[in-house]
């Protein structure tokens, strides 16, 4: 497909990369940009040659938030009919791991987009925030919920109620990001991580992601049962037989993805 708001690349074996490409507006998350982003991710999710996805912006901004012009005069019904926030829900349905490579501003919807990914690699210039309170609203695409589950209630309250922003170093310290790298290296770090994951057993990777996400949405007992069922199910795959045979034979496994 030809896109107007994003760039799509395959920078390494098994890796699909989507770059937000609205530099003039610091990657403001307009409806058309989000539609293209989700379409690209869903296309890559169906591609057996891709095992892990990366979303990034530009060095100055991952995404500076939603497009306020699209929302300023809207009514509640108009906002519901636009289904703008439903685009973030499409990201939840991506089966393969998604890594956000964040540099510069990740504010409002941009922060929520990063939070909706499975892992975050940040540059040392990254800034995370939920400044919606300054506009008379609150985060609406998961900011209050995912932040609280990641960094705890107190810090989330400060970010949401008083526009507290986190530097890259703080985000790493509070467990919001996996690691921080120099601005000229962060994308390469994310791509390397994605390539390493893409080289793992594909079915096991998808079920592992699903099981970890379930831990945030259910009780411990229900989560343990969910994990156990996925564990047993993998013994029906060719990759489980290959992986254990390769371990016993002291050789590198050759995954089939089935």
C-alpha atoms as a PDB file:
ATOM      1  CA  UNK A   1       0.000   0.000   0.000  1.00  0.00           C
ATOM      2  CA  UNK A   2       0.928   3.637  -0.455  1.00  0.00           C
ATOM      3  CA  UNK A   3       0.724   5.673   2.734  1.00  0.00           C
ATOM      4  CA  UNK A   4       0.656   9.445   3.180  1.00  0.00           C
ATOM      5  CA  UNK A   5       1.312   9.743   6.916  1.00  0.00           C
ATOM      6  CA  UNK A   6       3.646   6.854   7.700  1.00  0.00           C
ATOM      7  CA  UNK A   7       6.659   5.041   6.266  1.00  0.00           C
ATOM      8  CA  UNK A   8       6.916   1.235   6.296  1.00  0.00           C
ATOM      9  CA  UNK A   9      10.224  -0.631   6.223  1.00  0.00           C
ATOM     10  CA  UNK A  10      11.781  -4.019   6.937  1.00  0.00           C
ATOM     11  CA  UNK A  11      15.098  -3.031   8.537  1.00  0.00           C
ATOM     12  CA  UNK A  12      16.109  -6.531   9.658  1.00  0.00           C
ATOM     13  CA  UNK A  13      15.051 -10.119   9.110  1.00  0.00           C
ATOM     14  CA  UNK A  14      11.685 -10.750  10.693  1.00  0.00           C
ATOM     15  CA  UNK A  15      11.160  -7.094  11.686  1.00  0.00           C
ATOM     16  CA  UNK A  16       8.468  -4.736  10.458  1.00  0.00           C
ATOM     17  CA  UNK A  17       9.029  -1.018  11.112  1.00  0.00           C
ATOM     18  CA  UNK A  18       6.414   1.740  10.950  1.00  0.00           C
ATOM     19  CA  UNK A  19       7.590   5.346  11.143  1.00  0.00           C
ATOM     20  CA  UNK A  20       5.124   8.113  11.924  1.00  0.00           C
ATOM     21  CA  UNK A  21       5.889  10.747   9.310  1.00  0.00           C
ATOM     22  CA  UNK A  22       4.128  14.027  10.091  1.00  0.00           C
ATOM     23  CA  UNK A  23       7.153  16.113  11.055  1.00  0.00           C
ATOM     24  CA  UNK A  24       5.377  19.479  10.693  1.00  0.00           C
ATOM     25  CA  UNK A  25       2.918  18.611  13.463  1.00  0.00           C
ATOM     26  CA  UNK A  26       5.305  16.568  15.649  1.00  0.00           C
ATOM     27  CA  UNK A  27       3.391  13.454  14.554  1.00  0.00           C
ATOM     28  CA  UNK A  28       0.044  14.676  15.792  1.00  0.00           C
ATOM     29  CA  UNK A  29      -2.187  11.603  15.857  1.00  0.00           C
ATOM     30  CA  UNK A  30      -4.853  12.543  13.348  1.00  0.00           C
ATOM     31  CA  UNK A  31      -7.531  10.113  12.297  1.00  0.00           C
ATOM     32  CA  UNK A  32      -5.905   9.441   8.903  1.00  0.00           C
ATOM     33  CA  UNK A  33      -2.492   8.818  10.490  1.00  0.00           C
ATOM     34  CA  UNK A  34      -3.946   6.398  13.046  1.00  0.00           C
ATOM     35  CA  UNK A  35      -5.924   4.581  10.351  1.00  0.00           C
ATOM     36  CA  UNK A  36      -2.775   4.112   8.275  1.00  0.00           C
ATOM     37  CA  UNK A  37      -0.758   3.029  11.315  1.00  0.00           C
ATOM     38  CA  UNK A  38      -3.260   0.374  12.339  1.00  0.00           C
ATOM     39  CA  UNK A  39      -3.689  -0.829   8.768  1.00  0.00           C
ATOM     40  CA  UNK A  40       0.086  -1.261   8.411  1.00  0.00           C
ATOM     41  CA  UNK A  41       0.376  -3.090  11.735  1.00  0.00           C
ATOM     42  CA  UNK A  42      -2.492  -5.420  10.878  1.00  0.00           C
ATOM     43  CA  UNK A  43      -0.941  -6.181   7.471  1.00  0.00           C
ATOM     44  CA  UNK A  44       2.382  -7.039   9.116  1.00  0.00           C
ATOM     45  CA  UNK A  45       0.606  -9.106  11.744  1.00  0.00           C
ATOM     46  CA  UNK A  46      -0.705 -11.337   8.950  1.00  0.00           C
ATOM     47  CA  UNK A  47       2.726 -11.645   7.310  1.00  0.00           C
ATOM     48  CA  UNK A  48       4.464 -14.891   8.306  1.00  0.00           C
ATOM     49  CA  UNK A  49       7.843 -13.397   7.368  1.00  0.00           C
ATOM     50  CA  UNK A  50       7.538 -10.826  10.167  1.00  0.00           C
ATOM     51  CA  UNK A  51       7.848 -11.842  13.811  1.00  0.00           C
ATOM     52  CA  UNK A  52       8.047  -8.529  15.662  1.00  0.00           C
ATOM     53  CA  UNK A  53       6.927  -4.958  14.957  1.00  0.00           C
ATOM     54  CA  UNK A  54       8.441  -1.574  15.810  1.00  0.00           C
ATOM     55  CA  UNK A  55       6.671   1.803  15.873  1.00  0.00           C
ATOM     56  CA  UNK A  56       8.750   4.980  15.916  1.00  0.00           C
ATOM     57  CA  UNK A  57       8.514   8.672  15.155  1.00  0.00           C
ATOM     58  CA  UNK A  58      11.304  11.174  14.587  1.00  0.00           C
ATOM     59  CA  UNK A  59      14.089  12.187  16.930  1.00  0.00           C
ATOM     60  CA  UNK A  60      12.251  15.313  18.135  1.00  0.00           C
ATOM     61  CA  UNK A  61       8.899  13.660  18.705  1.00  0.00           C
ATOM     62  CA  UNK A  62       7.471  10.170  18.861  1.00  0.00           C
ATOM     63  CA  UNK A  63       4.004  11.726  18.886  1.00  0.00           C
ATOM     64  CA  UNK A  64       3.037  14.977  20.589  1.00  0.00           C
ATOM     65  CA  UNK A  65      -0.597  13.969  21.096  1.00  0.00           C
ATOM     66  CA  UNK A  66      -3.924  13.825  19.332  1.00  0.00           C
ATOM     67  CA  UNK A  67      -5.005  16.491  16.873  1.00  0.00           C
ATOM     68  CA  UNK A  68      -6.821  19.042  19.055  1.00  0.00           C
ATOM     69  CA  UNK A  69      -8.365  20.697  15.980  1.00  0.00           C
ATOM     70  CA  UNK A  70     -10.259  17.473  15.270  1.00  0.00           C
ATOM     71  CA  UNK A  71     -11.768  17.444  18.758  1.00  0.00           C
ATOM     72  CA  UNK A  72     -12.126  21.027  19.990  1.00  0.00           C
ATOM     73  CA  UNK A  73     -15.741  21.598  18.959  1.00  0.00           C
ATOM     74  CA  UNK A  74     -16.979  18.014  19.089  1.00  0.00           C
ATOM     75  CA  UNK A  75     -19.971  16.760  21.080  1.00  0.00           C
ATOM     76  CA  UNK A  76     -19.932  13.474  23.028  1.00  0.00           C
ATOM     77  CA  UNK A  77     -21.961  11.797  20.287  1.00  0.00           C
ATOM     78  CA  UNK A  78     -19.621  13.069  17.595  1.00  0.00           C
ATOM     79  CA  UNK A  79     -16.627  11.733  19.508  1.00  0.00           C
ATOM     80  CA  UNK A  80     -18.302   8.331  19.857  1.00  0.00           C
ATOM     81  CA  UNK A  81     -19.297   8.245  16.194  1.00  0.00           C
ATOM     82  CA  UNK A  82     -15.749   9.086  15.089  1.00  0.00           C
ATOM     83  CA  UNK A  83     -14.570   6.051  17.088  1.00  0.00           C
ATOM     84  CA  UNK A  84     -11.177   7.747  17.401  1.00  0.00           C
ATOM     85  CA  UNK A  85     -10.165   5.890  20.545  1.00  0.00           C
ATOM     86  CA  UNK A  86     -11.212   2.563  19.009  1.00  0.00           C
ATOM     87  CA  UNK A  87      -8.057   2.761  16.910  1.00  0.00           C
ATOM     88  CA  UNK A  88      -5.996   2.120  20.029  1.00  0.00           C
ATOM     89  CA  UNK A  89      -8.106  -0.994  20.634  1.00  0.00           C
ATOM     90  CA  UNK A  90      -7.009  -2.323  17.243  1.00  0.00           C
ATOM     91  CA  UNK A  91      -3.444  -2.241  18.537  1.00  0.00           C
ATOM     92  CA  UNK A  92      -4.484  -4.513  21.409  1.00  0.00           C
ATOM     93  CA  UNK A  93      -5.523  -7.137  18.873  1.00  0.00           C
ATOM     94  CA  UNK A  94      -2.100  -7.359  17.195  1.00  0.00           C
ATOM     95  CA  UNK A  95      -0.852 -10.863  18.016  1.00  0.00           C
ATOM     96  CA  UNK A  96       2.849 -10.262  17.470  1.00  0.00           C
ATOM     97  CA  UNK A  97       4.983  -8.230  19.889  1.00  0.00           C
ATOM     98  CA  UNK A  98       5.069  -4.490  19.242  1.00  0.00           C
ATOM     99  CA  UNK A  99       7.960  -2.309  20.413  1.00  0.00           C
ATOM    100  CA  UNK A 100       7.712   1.470  20.652  1.00  0.00           C
ATOM    101  CA  UNK A 101      10.982   3.268  19.862  1.00  0.00           C
ATOM    102  CA  UNK A 102      10.434   6.646  21.504  1.00  0.00           C
ATOM    103  CA  UNK A 103      12.489   9.816  21.160  1.00  0.00           C
ATOM    104  CA  UNK A 104      11.519  13.341  22.073  1.00  0.00           C
ATOM    105  CA  UNK A 105       7.943  14.050  23.049  1.00  0.00           C
ATOM    106  CA  UNK A 106       5.483  11.247  23.800  1.00  0.00           C
ATOM    107  CA  UNK A 107       2.586  13.259  25.148  1.00  0.00           C
ATOM    108  CA  UNK A 108      -1.126  12.617  25.515  1.00  0.00           C
ATOM    109  CA  UNK A 109      -2.193  10.199  22.821  1.00  0.00           C
ATOM    110  CA  UNK A 110       1.472   9.709  21.937  1.00  0.00           C
ATOM    111  CA  UNK A 111       2.206   8.479  25.444  1.00  0.00           C
ATOM    112  CA  UNK A 112      -0.878   6.263  25.268  1.00  0.00           C
ATOM    113  CA  UNK A 113       0.271   4.843  21.943  1.00  0.00           C
ATOM    114  CA  UNK A 114       3.625   3.897  23.481  1.00  0.00           C
ATOM    115  CA  UNK A 115       1.883   2.442  26.541  1.00  0.00           C
ATOM    116  CA  UNK A 116      -0.298   0.261  24.299  1.00  0.00           C
ATOM    117  CA  UNK A 117       2.816  -1.380  22.869  1.00  0.00           C
ATOM    118  CA  UNK A 118       4.421  -4.384  24.546  1.00  0.00           C
ATOM    119  CA  UNK A 119       7.827  -2.808  25.180  1.00  0.00           C
ATOM    120  CA  UNK A 120       9.376   0.655  24.984  1.00  0.00           C
ATOM    121  CA  UNK A 121      12.913   1.591  24.014  1.00  0.00           C
ATOM    122  CA  UNK A 122      13.550   5.272  24.721  1.00  0.00           C
ATOM    123  CA  UNK A 123      16.187   7.715  23.592  1.00  0.00           C
ATOM    124  CA  UNK A 124      17.812   9.822  26.277  1.00  0.00           C
ATOM    125  CA  UNK A 125      15.753  12.794  25.048  1.00  0.00           C
ATOM    126  CA  UNK A 126      12.368  11.097  25.504  1.00  0.00           C
ATOM    127  CA  UNK A 127       9.696  12.838  27.587  1.00  0.00           C
ATOM    128  CA  UNK A 128       6.491  11.063  28.633  1.00  0.00           C
ATOM    129  CA  UNK A 129       3.394  12.912  29.797  1.00  0.00           C
ATOM    130  CA  UNK A 130      -0.401  13.083  29.933  1.00  0.00           C
ATOM    131  CA  UNK A 131      -1.160  16.832  29.749  1.00  0.00           C
ATOM    132  CA  UNK A 132      -4.872  16.470  28.917  1.00  0.00           C
ATOM    133  CA  UNK A 133      -5.827  18.180  32.197  1.00  0.00           C
ATOM    134  CA  UNK A 134      -4.555  21.435  30.666  1.00  0.00           C
ATOM    135  CA  UNK A 135      -7.287  21.128  28.018  1.00  0.00           C
ATOM    136  CA  UNK A 136     -10.088  20.414  30.469  1.00  0.00           C
ATOM    137  CA  UNK A 137     -10.249  16.682  29.738  1.00  0.00           C
ATOM    138  CA  UNK A 138      -8.512  13.472  30.852  1.00  0.00           C
ATOM    139  CA  UNK A 139      -6.624  10.742  28.988  1.00  0.00           C
ATOM    140  CA  UNK A 140      -9.100   8.708  26.985  1.00  0.00           C
ATOM    141  CA  UNK A 141      -7.045   6.023  25.232  1.00  0.00           C
ATOM    142  CA  UNK A 142      -5.729   4.131  28.220  1.00  0.00           C
ATOM    143  CA  UNK A 143      -3.468   6.652  29.926  1.00  0.00           C
ATOM    144  CA  UNK A 144      -5.016   6.458  33.385  1.00  0.00           C
ATOM    145  CA  UNK A 145      -5.325   2.680  33.298  1.00  0.00           C
ATOM    146  CA  UNK A 146      -2.038   1.564  31.739  1.00  0.00           C
ATOM    147  CA  UNK A 147       0.047   4.095  33.649  1.00  0.00           C
ATOM    148  CA  UNK A 148      -1.455   3.053  36.988  1.00  0.00           C
ATOM    149  CA  UNK A 149      -0.758  -0.603  36.219  1.00  0.00           C
ATOM    150  CA  UNK A 150       2.825   0.205  35.251  1.00  0.00           C
ATOM    151  CA  UNK A 151       4.115   2.945  37.563  1.00  0.00           C
ATOM    152  CA  UNK A 152       1.559   2.850  40.385  1.00  0.00           C
ATOM    153  CA  UNK A 153      -1.252   5.066  41.637  1.00  0.00           C
ATOM    154  CA  UNK A 154       0.647   7.969  43.200  1.00  0.00           C
ATOM    155  CA  UNK A 155       2.843   8.875  40.242  1.00  0.00           C
ATOM    156  CA  UNK A 156      -0.010   8.318  37.802  1.00  0.00           C
ATOM    157  CA  UNK A 157      -2.139  10.743  39.814  1.00  0.00           C
ATOM    158  CA  UNK A 158       0.585  13.381  39.574  1.00  0.00           C
ATOM    159  CA  UNK A 159       1.020  12.880  35.838  1.00  0.00           C
ATOM    160  CA  UNK A 160      -2.715  12.963  35.094  1.00  0.00           C
ATOM    161  CA  UNK A 161      -3.816  15.595  37.616  1.00  0.00           C
ATOM    162  CA  UNK A 162      -0.846  17.952  37.437  1.00  0.00           C
ATOM    163  CA  UNK A 163       0.938  17.349  34.099  1.00  0.00           C
ATOM    164  CA  UNK A 164       4.008  15.749  35.698  1.00  0.00           C
ATOM    165  CA  UNK A 165       6.307  14.644  32.900  1.00  0.00           C
ATOM    166  CA  UNK A 166       8.872  11.878  33.062  1.00  0.00           C
ATOM    167  CA  UNK A 167      12.317  12.068  31.548  1.00  0.00           C
ATOM    168  CA  UNK A 168      13.753   8.980  29.891  1.00  0.00           C
ATOM    169  CA  UNK A 169      15.841   8.242  32.977  1.00  0.00           C
ATOM    170  CA  UNK A 170      12.805   8.539  35.263  1.00  0.00           C
ATOM    171  CA  UNK A 171      10.700   6.396  32.928  1.00  0.00           C
ATOM    172  CA  UNK A 172      13.312   3.652  33.082  1.00  0.00           C
ATOM    173  CA  UNK A 173      13.594   3.926  36.869  1.00  0.00           C
ATOM    174  CA  UNK A 174       9.833   3.631  37.324  1.00  0.00           C
ATOM    175  CA  UNK A 175       9.537   0.667  34.951  1.00  0.00           C
ATOM    176  CA  UNK A 176       7.788   2.472  32.112  1.00  0.00           C
ATOM    177  CA  UNK A 177      10.503   1.701  29.541  1.00  0.00           C
ATOM    178  CA  UNK A 178      12.766  -1.305  29.007  1.00  0.00           C
ATOM    179  CA  UNK A 179      15.948   0.660  28.432  1.00  0.00           C
ATOM    180  CA  UNK A 180      17.342   4.040  27.434  1.00  0.00           C
ATOM    181  CA  UNK A 181      19.863   4.588  24.631  1.00  0.00           C
ATOM    182  CA  UNK A 182      21.518   7.647  23.062  1.00  0.00           C
ATOM    183  CA  UNK A 183      19.363   9.430  20.536  1.00  0.00           C
ATOM    184  CA  UNK A 184      21.499   8.201  17.640  1.00  0.00           C
ATOM    185  CA  UNK A 185      21.217   4.583  18.806  1.00  0.00           C
ATOM    186  CA  UNK A 186      17.731   4.044  20.274  1.00  0.00           C
ATOM    187  CA  UNK A 187      16.093   2.925  17.027  1.00  0.00           C
ATOM    188  CA  UNK A 188      18.888   0.450  16.307  1.00  0.00           C
ATOM    189  CA  UNK A 189      18.495  -0.907  19.856  1.00  0.00           C
ATOM    190  CA  UNK A 190      14.758  -1.381  19.271  1.00  0.00           C
ATOM    191  CA  UNK A 191      15.311  -3.073  15.900  1.00  0.00           C
ATOM    192  CA  UNK A 192      17.942  -5.387  17.393  1.00  0.00           C
ATOM    193  CA  UNK A 193      15.555  -6.371  20.189  1.00  0.00           C
ATOM    194  CA  UNK A 194      12.787  -6.945  17.648  1.00  0.00           C
ATOM    195  CA  UNK A 195      15.069  -9.125  15.493  1.00  0.00           C
ATOM    196  CA  UNK A 196      16.026 -11.230  18.507  1.00  0.00           C
ATOM    197  CA  UNK A 197      12.365 -11.794  19.377  1.00  0.00           C
ATOM    198  CA  UNK A 198      11.488 -12.510  15.742  1.00  0.00           C
ATOM    199  CA  UNK A 199      14.087 -15.314  15.764  1.00  0.00           C
ATOM    200  CA  UNK A 200      12.203 -17.146  18.546  1.00  0.00           C
ATOM    201  CA  UNK A 201       9.485 -19.774  18.111  1.00  0.00           C
ATOM    202  CA  UNK A 202       6.613 -17.761  16.570  1.00  0.00           C
ATOM    203  CA  UNK A 203       3.636 -19.539  18.147  1.00  0.00           C
ATOM    204  CA  UNK A 204       5.257 -19.553  21.581  1.00  0.00           C
ATOM    205  CA  UNK A 205       6.013 -15.828  21.253  1.00  0.00           C
ATOM    206  CA  UNK A 206       2.383 -15.025  20.450  1.00  0.00           C
ATOM    207  CA  UNK A 207       1.029 -17.111  23.315  1.00  0.00           C
ATOM    208  CA  UNK A 208       3.619 -15.716  25.727  1.00  0.00           C
ATOM    209  CA  UNK A 209       2.578 -12.166  24.849  1.00  0.00           C
ATOM    210  CA  UNK A 210      -1.063 -13.109  25.336  1.00  0.00           C
ATOM    211  CA  UNK A 211      -0.377 -14.690  28.728  1.00  0.00           C
ATOM    212  CA  UNK A 212       1.613 -11.719  30.038  1.00  0.00           C
ATOM    213  CA  UNK A 213      -1.100  -9.289  28.950  1.00  0.00           C
ATOM    214  CA  UNK A 214      -3.700 -11.410  30.712  1.00  0.00           C
ATOM    215  CA  UNK A 215      -1.786 -10.912  33.973  1.00  0.00           C
ATOM    216  CA  UNK A 216      -2.868  -7.265  33.917  1.00  0.00           C
ATOM    217  CA  UNK A 217      -6.537  -8.068  33.439  1.00  0.00           C
ATOM    218  CA  UNK A 218      -7.407 -10.940  35.762  1.00  0.00           C
ATOM    219  CA  UNK A 219      -6.836 -12.485  39.181  1.00  0.00           C
ATOM    220  CA  UNK A 220      -3.724 -14.506  39.951  1.00  0.00           C
ATOM    221  CA  UNK A 221      -5.603 -17.808  40.051  1.00  0.00           C
ATOM    222  CA  UNK A 222      -7.332 -17.140  36.726  1.00  0.00           C
ATOM    223  CA  UNK A 223      -4.065 -15.942  35.198  1.00  0.00           C
ATOM    224  CA  UNK A 224      -2.224 -19.064  36.315  1.00  0.00           C
ATOM    225  CA  UNK A 225      -4.908 -21.240  34.745  1.00  0.00           C
ATOM    226  CA  UNK A 226      -4.691 -19.197  31.523  1.00  0.00           C
ATOM    227  CA  UNK A 227      -0.905 -19.550  31.440  1.00  0.00           C
ATOM    228  CA  UNK A 228      -1.099 -23.290  32.124  1.00  0.00           C
ATOM    229  CA  UNK A 229      -3.531 -23.836  29.250  1.00  0.00           C
ATOM    230  CA  UNK A 230      -1.206 -22.007  26.854  1.00  0.00           C
ATOM    231  CA  UNK A 231       1.725 -24.055  28.147  1.00  0.00           C
ATOM    232  CA  UNK A 232      -0.091 -27.344  27.502  1.00  0.00           C
ATOM    233  CA  UNK A 233      -1.337 -26.179  24.090  1.00  0.00           C
ATOM    234  CA  UNK A 234       2.216 -25.579  22.878  1.00  0.00           C
ATOM    235  CA  UNK A 235       2.943 -29.299  23.198  1.00  0.00           C
ATOM    236  CA  UNK A 236       0.770 -29.755  20.114  1.00  0.00           C
ATOM    237  CA  UNK A 237       3.131 -27.628  18.015  1.00  0.00           C
ATOM    238  CA  UNK A 238       5.948 -28.751  15.767  1.00  0.00           C
ATOM    239  CA  UNK A 239       8.106 -25.998  17.237  1.00  0.00           C
ATOM    240  CA  UNK A 240       7.886 -27.492  20.733  1.00  0.00           C
ATOM    241  CA  UNK A 241       9.142 -30.833  19.409  1.00  0.00           C
ATOM    242  CA  UNK A 242      11.891 -29.105  17.422  1.00  0.00           C
ATOM    243  CA  UNK A 243      12.931 -26.826  20.280  1.00  0.00           C
ATOM    244  CA  UNK A 244      13.331 -29.614  22.806  1.00  0.00           C
ATOM    245  CA  UNK A 245      14.992 -31.930  20.296  1.00  0.00           C
ATOM    246  CA  UNK A 246      17.465 -29.175  19.386  1.00  0.00           C
ATOM    247  CA  UNK A 247      18.225 -28.587  23.071  1.00  0.00           C
ATOM    248  CA  UNK A 248      18.947 -32.265  23.610  1.00  0.00           C
ATOM    249  CA  UNK A 249      21.017 -32.457  20.412  1.00  0.00           C
ATOM    250  CA  UNK A 250      22.906 -29.275  21.358  1.00  0.00           C
ATOM    251  CA  UNK A 251      22.069 -27.534  18.080  1.00  0.00           C
ATOM    252  CA  UNK A 252      20.206 -24.412  17.000  1.00  0.00           C
ATOM    253  CA  UNK A 253      16.469 -25.014  16.472  1.00  0.00           C
ATOM    254  CA  UNK A 254      14.819 -24.422  13.107  1.00  0.00           C
ATOM    255  CA  UNK A 255      11.404 -22.972  13.792  1.00  0.00           C
ATOM    256  CA  UNK A 256       8.468 -23.682  11.492  1.00  0.00           C
ATOM    257  CA  UNK A 257       5.887 -21.449  13.111  1.00  0.00           C
ATOM    258  CA  UNK A 258       3.433 -24.288  13.567  1.00  0.00           C
END
